[in-house]
Protein backbone atom coordinates (compact mmCIF):
# COMPACT_ATOMS: atom_id res chain seq x y z
CA MET A 1 -18.57 -42.32 58.81
CA SER A 2 -18.84 -38.64 59.44
CA ILE A 3 -22.24 -37.06 59.02
CA ALA A 4 -22.41 -33.55 57.62
CA ARG A 5 -25.17 -31.71 59.43
CA GLN A 6 -26.83 -28.41 58.92
CA GLY A 7 -27.34 -26.14 61.89
CA VAL A 8 -30.76 -24.66 62.48
CA ILE A 9 -31.36 -21.91 65.01
CA MET A 10 -34.48 -22.48 67.11
CA GLY A 11 -34.78 -19.69 69.64
CA SER A 12 -31.35 -19.42 71.24
CA VAL A 13 -30.51 -23.11 70.69
CA ARG A 14 -28.67 -24.46 67.65
CA VAL A 15 -30.22 -27.79 66.63
CA ARG A 16 -28.49 -30.22 64.29
CA VAL A 17 -30.57 -31.49 61.40
CA MET A 18 -29.67 -34.52 59.30
CA SER A 19 -29.93 -33.91 55.56
CA CYS A 20 -31.78 -36.13 53.09
CA LYS A 21 -28.46 -37.13 51.55
CA ASP A 22 -27.11 -38.24 54.94
CA THR A 23 -30.32 -40.11 55.72
CA ILE A 24 -30.32 -42.03 52.43
CA ARG A 25 -26.68 -43.02 52.95
CA LEU A 26 -27.49 -44.41 56.41
CA ILE A 27 -30.64 -46.41 55.60
CA CYS A 28 -28.84 -49.70 54.82
CA GLU A 29 -26.74 -49.47 57.96
CA TYR A 30 -29.92 -48.74 59.94
CA LEU A 31 -31.70 -51.77 58.49
CA GLU A 32 -28.67 -53.93 59.31
CA GLY A 33 -28.72 -52.66 62.92
CA LYS A 34 -25.26 -51.12 62.58
CA LEU A 35 -26.06 -47.51 63.56
CA ALA A 36 -25.31 -46.14 66.99
CA PRO A 37 -28.59 -45.40 68.82
CA PRO A 38 -28.17 -41.59 68.74
CA VAL A 39 -27.55 -41.63 64.97
CA ALA A 40 -30.49 -43.99 64.40
CA ARG A 41 -32.75 -41.66 66.43
CA GLU A 42 -31.59 -38.64 64.46
CA MET A 43 -32.19 -40.48 61.18
CA LEU A 44 -35.69 -41.58 62.29
CA ASN A 45 -36.48 -38.02 63.39
CA HIS A 46 -35.58 -36.85 59.90
CA ILE A 47 -37.73 -39.57 58.32
CA ASP A 48 -40.67 -38.55 60.52
CA ARG A 49 -40.45 -35.05 58.99
CA CYS A 50 -39.50 -36.00 55.43
CA LYS A 51 -41.99 -37.93 53.31
CA ASN A 52 -39.46 -38.62 50.54
CA CYS A 53 -36.93 -40.23 52.87
CA GLY A 54 -39.74 -42.25 54.45
CA VAL A 55 -40.59 -43.62 51.00
CA VAL A 56 -36.94 -44.61 50.46
CA LEU A 57 -36.81 -46.39 53.85
CA GLU A 58 -40.03 -48.30 53.11
CA ALA A 59 -38.76 -49.31 49.66
CA ALA A 60 -35.46 -50.54 51.10
CA GLN A 61 -37.33 -52.55 53.74
CA ARG A 62 -39.56 -54.17 51.08
CA ILE A 63 -36.56 -55.02 48.89
CA LEU A 64 -34.71 -56.69 51.76
CA GLU A 65 -37.83 -58.57 52.88
CA ALA A 66 -38.41 -59.84 49.33
CA TYR A 67 -34.76 -60.86 48.97
CA PHE A 68 -34.61 -62.74 52.26
CA ASP A 69 -38.02 -64.35 51.74
CA ARG A 70 -36.92 -65.57 48.31
CA GLU A 71 -33.60 -66.78 49.70
CA ALA A 72 -35.43 -68.94 52.25
CA GLU A 73 -37.56 -70.69 49.61
CA PRO A 74 -36.26 -74.02 48.29
CA PRO A 75 -35.37 -73.96 44.61
CA ARG A 76 -38.05 -75.11 42.18
CA PRO A 77 -37.31 -78.32 40.24
CA SER A 78 -36.70 -76.31 37.05
CA GLN A 79 -34.08 -74.20 38.90
CA GLN A 80 -32.07 -77.10 40.36
CA VAL A 81 -28.70 -77.77 38.82
CA ALA A 82 -28.02 -81.38 37.85
């Protein structure tokens, strides 16, 4: 997946900045452990600076935790198929 990045000039150095759109697209891959370490670091750096993306990451984490916790529970008697 190619990541479109914006360039920001800081002094005489051009620094790449991940956009919110890029960050949101990468959150699932990050949570699955599929991102290369440099991309994961760049995404986390963005999340450290962006409250909105941090909220999206936290929500995705809660959804996955709830899903996997529910998946691990045995079915209730009323849910069992005869």
